[in-house]
């Protein structure tokens, strides 16, 4: 049984968005592997605390991700 682990920044996605991601990931997996896999595919979406990820040596925060999703340029 596949277990697909998705990590997202806390406070960015709604429950509805997380459910949509889980459905979409499951759809893609079932399309690639075969429909029988759909019913046994586990998707876990984990919230990561703000500042606990780094990119290029810089902490990534909830606020930074929200700005990025609004279309603001990522910090250099």
N, C-alpha and C. Protein backbone atom coordinates (compact mmCIF):
# COMPACT_ATOMS: atom_id res chain seq x y z
N UNK A 1 0.84 -1.17 0.00
CA UNK A 1 0.00 0.00 0.00
C UNK A 1 0.88 1.23 0.00
N UNK A 2 0.69 2.12 -0.95
CA UNK A 2 1.51 3.32 -0.99
C UNK A 2 1.13 4.32 0.09
N UNK A 3 2.14 4.96 0.61
CA UNK A 3 1.96 6.07 1.55
C UNK A 3 2.67 7.27 0.95
N UNK A 4 1.90 8.29 0.64
CA UNK A 4 2.44 9.50 0.03
C UNK A 4 2.43 10.60 1.09
N UNK A 5 3.60 11.12 1.39
CA UNK A 5 3.77 12.11 2.46
C UNK A 5 3.96 13.48 1.83
N UNK A 6 3.05 14.40 2.13
CA UNK A 6 3.10 15.76 1.61
C UNK A 6 3.32 16.70 2.80
N UNK A 7 4.33 17.53 2.70
CA UNK A 7 4.59 18.50 3.77
C UNK A 7 4.28 19.89 3.24
N UNK A 8 3.58 20.66 4.04
CA UNK A 8 3.22 22.03 3.69
C UNK A 8 3.50 22.94 4.88
N UNK A 9 3.63 24.22 4.60
CA UNK A 9 3.87 25.19 5.66
C UNK A 9 2.58 25.41 6.44
N UNK A 10 2.70 25.39 7.76
CA UNK A 10 1.52 25.59 8.60
C UNK A 10 0.87 26.93 8.31
N UNK A 11 -0.45 26.97 8.43
CA UNK A 11 -1.18 28.22 8.32
C UNK A 11 -1.34 28.76 6.91
N UNK A 12 -0.99 27.97 5.90
CA UNK A 12 -1.08 28.45 4.53
C UNK A 12 -2.30 27.86 3.82
N UNK A 13 -2.52 26.58 3.98
CA UNK A 13 -3.61 25.90 3.26
C UNK A 13 -4.79 25.63 4.17
N UNK A 14 -5.98 25.74 3.59
CA UNK A 14 -7.20 25.40 4.32
C UNK A 14 -7.40 23.88 4.31
N UNK A 15 -8.30 23.42 5.14
CA UNK A 15 -8.64 22.00 5.15
C UNK A 15 -9.15 21.58 3.78
N UNK A 16 -9.93 22.42 3.15
CA UNK A 16 -10.47 22.10 1.82
C UNK A 16 -9.34 21.97 0.80
N UNK A 17 -8.35 22.85 0.86
CA UNK A 17 -7.22 22.77 -0.06
C UNK A 17 -6.42 21.49 0.17
N UNK A 18 -6.23 21.13 1.42
CA UNK A 18 -5.50 19.90 1.73
C UNK A 18 -6.26 18.68 1.21
N UNK A 19 -7.57 18.68 1.35
CA UNK A 19 -8.38 17.57 0.84
C UNK A 19 -8.28 17.50 -0.68
N UNK A 20 -8.28 18.65 -1.34
CA UNK A 20 -8.15 18.68 -2.80
C UNK A 20 -6.79 18.13 -3.22
N UNK A 21 -5.75 18.47 -2.50
CA UNK A 21 -4.41 17.95 -2.79
C UNK A 21 -4.40 16.43 -2.62
N UNK A 22 -4.97 15.95 -1.53
CA UNK A 22 -5.00 14.50 -1.29
C UNK A 22 -5.75 13.77 -2.41
N UNK A 23 -6.88 14.33 -2.84
CA UNK A 23 -7.62 13.71 -3.94
C UNK A 23 -6.81 13.72 -5.23
N UNK A 24 -6.18 14.86 -5.52
CA UNK A 24 -5.40 14.98 -6.74
C UNK A 24 -4.20 14.04 -6.77
N UNK A 25 -3.48 13.95 -5.66
CA UNK A 25 -2.33 13.05 -5.58
C UNK A 25 -2.79 11.61 -5.75
N UNK A 26 -3.89 11.26 -5.12
CA UNK A 26 -4.43 9.91 -5.25
C UNK A 26 -4.83 9.63 -6.69
N UNK A 27 -5.46 10.59 -7.35
CA UNK A 27 -5.83 10.43 -8.76
C UNK A 27 -4.61 10.16 -9.63
N UNK A 28 -3.56 10.96 -9.44
CA UNK A 28 -2.35 10.80 -10.24
C UNK A 28 -1.73 9.42 -9.99
N UNK A 29 -1.67 9.01 -8.74
CA UNK A 29 -1.09 7.71 -8.42
C UNK A 29 -1.89 6.58 -9.04
N UNK A 30 -3.21 6.64 -8.91
CA UNK A 30 -4.07 5.59 -9.47
C UNK A 30 -3.98 5.58 -11.00
N UNK A 31 -3.88 6.73 -11.61
CA UNK A 31 -3.72 6.80 -13.06
C UNK A 31 -2.42 6.14 -13.51
N UNK A 32 -1.35 6.34 -12.74
CA UNK A 32 -0.04 5.81 -13.11
C UNK A 32 0.10 4.32 -12.81
N UNK A 33 -0.45 3.89 -11.68
CA UNK A 33 -0.22 2.52 -11.21
C UNK A 33 -1.38 1.59 -11.56
N UNK A 34 -2.56 2.12 -11.55
CA UNK A 34 -3.74 1.32 -11.83
C UNK A 34 -4.83 1.63 -10.83
N UNK A 35 -6.06 1.56 -11.29
CA UNK A 35 -7.22 1.92 -10.47
C UNK A 35 -7.32 1.12 -9.17
N UNK A 36 -6.92 -0.16 -9.13
CA UNK A 36 -7.01 -0.89 -7.85
C UNK A 36 -6.19 -0.24 -6.73
N UNK A 37 -5.19 0.55 -7.07
CA UNK A 37 -4.37 1.20 -6.04
C UNK A 37 -5.10 2.32 -5.33
N UNK A 38 -6.16 2.88 -5.96
CA UNK A 38 -6.85 4.04 -5.38
C UNK A 38 -7.32 3.76 -3.94
N UNK A 39 -7.96 2.65 -3.74
CA UNK A 39 -8.55 2.36 -2.43
C UNK A 39 -7.55 2.05 -1.33
N UNK A 40 -6.29 1.84 -1.70
CA UNK A 40 -5.29 1.52 -0.69
C UNK A 40 -4.16 2.55 -0.65
N UNK A 41 -4.39 3.70 -1.28
CA UNK A 41 -3.39 4.78 -1.30
C UNK A 41 -3.63 5.71 -0.12
N UNK A 42 -2.63 5.84 0.71
CA UNK A 42 -2.68 6.75 1.86
C UNK A 42 -1.96 8.04 1.50
N UNK A 43 -2.57 9.15 1.82
CA UNK A 43 -1.93 10.46 1.65
C UNK A 43 -1.95 11.14 3.02
N UNK A 44 -0.77 11.51 3.49
CA UNK A 44 -0.64 12.22 4.76
C UNK A 44 -0.14 13.62 4.45
N UNK A 45 -0.87 14.62 4.92
CA UNK A 45 -0.44 16.00 4.72
C UNK A 45 -0.02 16.54 6.09
N UNK A 46 1.24 16.88 6.19
CA UNK A 46 1.80 17.35 7.46
C UNK A 46 2.12 18.83 7.38
N UNK A 47 1.70 19.55 8.40
CA UNK A 47 2.05 20.97 8.53
C UNK A 47 3.42 21.07 9.18
N UNK A 48 4.29 21.86 8.58
CA UNK A 48 5.62 22.12 9.12
C UNK A 48 5.60 23.50 9.75
N UNK A 49 6.14 23.62 10.95
CA UNK A 49 6.14 24.89 11.66
C UNK A 49 6.89 25.97 10.88
N UNK A 50 6.37 27.16 10.93
CA UNK A 50 6.98 28.31 10.28
C UNK A 50 8.42 28.46 10.74
N UNK A 51 9.33 28.64 9.79
CA UNK A 51 10.73 28.83 10.12
C UNK A 51 11.53 27.55 10.25
N UNK A 52 10.88 26.38 10.16
CA UNK A 52 11.58 25.11 10.33
C UNK A 52 12.14 24.55 9.03
N UNK A 53 11.82 25.17 7.92
CA UNK A 53 12.43 24.84 6.63
C UNK A 53 13.38 25.95 6.27
N UNK A 54 14.39 25.61 5.51
CA UNK A 54 15.25 26.64 4.94
C UNK A 54 15.37 26.39 3.44
N UNK A 55 15.59 27.46 2.73
CA UNK A 55 15.82 27.41 1.29
C UNK A 55 16.98 28.35 1.01
N UNK A 56 18.05 27.82 0.47
CA UNK A 56 19.23 28.65 0.24
C UNK A 56 19.82 29.18 1.53
N UNK A 57 19.63 28.45 2.61
CA UNK A 57 20.17 28.87 3.90
C UNK A 57 19.32 29.86 4.65
N UNK A 58 18.18 30.25 4.08
CA UNK A 58 17.28 31.22 4.71
C UNK A 58 16.02 30.52 5.21
N UNK A 59 15.57 30.89 6.39
CA UNK A 59 14.35 30.30 6.94
C UNK A 59 13.15 30.67 6.08
N UNK A 60 12.30 29.69 5.86
CA UNK A 60 11.05 29.91 5.13
C UNK A 60 9.95 30.01 6.17
N UNK A 61 9.15 31.06 6.09
CA UNK A 61 8.10 31.30 7.07
C UNK A 61 6.72 31.23 6.42
N UNK A 62 5.71 31.09 7.26
CA UNK A 62 4.33 31.10 6.78
C UNK A 62 4.06 32.38 6.00
N UNK A 63 4.50 33.50 6.54
CA UNK A 63 4.26 34.79 5.89
C UNK A 63 4.93 34.83 4.52
N UNK A 64 6.14 34.31 4.43
CA UNK A 64 6.86 34.29 3.17
C UNK A 64 6.17 33.44 2.12
N UNK A 65 5.64 32.30 2.53
CA UNK A 65 4.92 31.43 1.60
C UNK A 65 3.63 32.11 1.16
N UNK A 66 2.94 32.75 2.09
CA UNK A 66 1.71 33.46 1.73
C UNK A 66 1.99 34.57 0.72
N UNK A 67 3.07 35.30 0.91
CA UNK A 67 3.45 36.35 -0.05
C UNK A 67 3.74 35.73 -1.42
N UNK A 68 4.47 34.64 -1.43
CA UNK A 68 4.80 33.97 -2.68
C UNK A 68 3.54 33.54 -3.41
N UNK A 69 2.58 33.00 -2.68
CA UNK A 69 1.34 32.55 -3.30
C UNK A 69 0.47 33.72 -3.80
N UNK A 70 0.67 34.88 -3.21
CA UNK A 70 -0.03 36.08 -3.69
C UNK A 70 0.64 36.68 -4.91
N UNK A 71 1.80 36.15 -5.28
CA UNK A 71 2.49 36.62 -6.46
C UNK A 71 3.64 37.57 -6.18
N UNK A 72 3.96 37.77 -4.90
CA UNK A 72 5.10 38.63 -4.57
C UNK A 72 6.38 37.88 -4.93
N UNK A 73 7.42 38.58 -5.35
CA UNK A 73 8.68 37.89 -5.69
C UNK A 73 9.31 37.25 -4.46
N UNK A 74 9.93 36.10 -4.68
CA UNK A 74 10.61 35.42 -3.59
C UNK A 74 11.86 36.22 -3.23
N UNK A 75 12.24 36.20 -1.93
CA UNK A 75 13.44 36.93 -1.52
C UNK A 75 14.68 36.33 -2.18
N UNK A 76 15.65 37.20 -2.47
CA UNK A 76 16.90 36.75 -3.11
C UNK A 76 17.85 36.17 -2.08
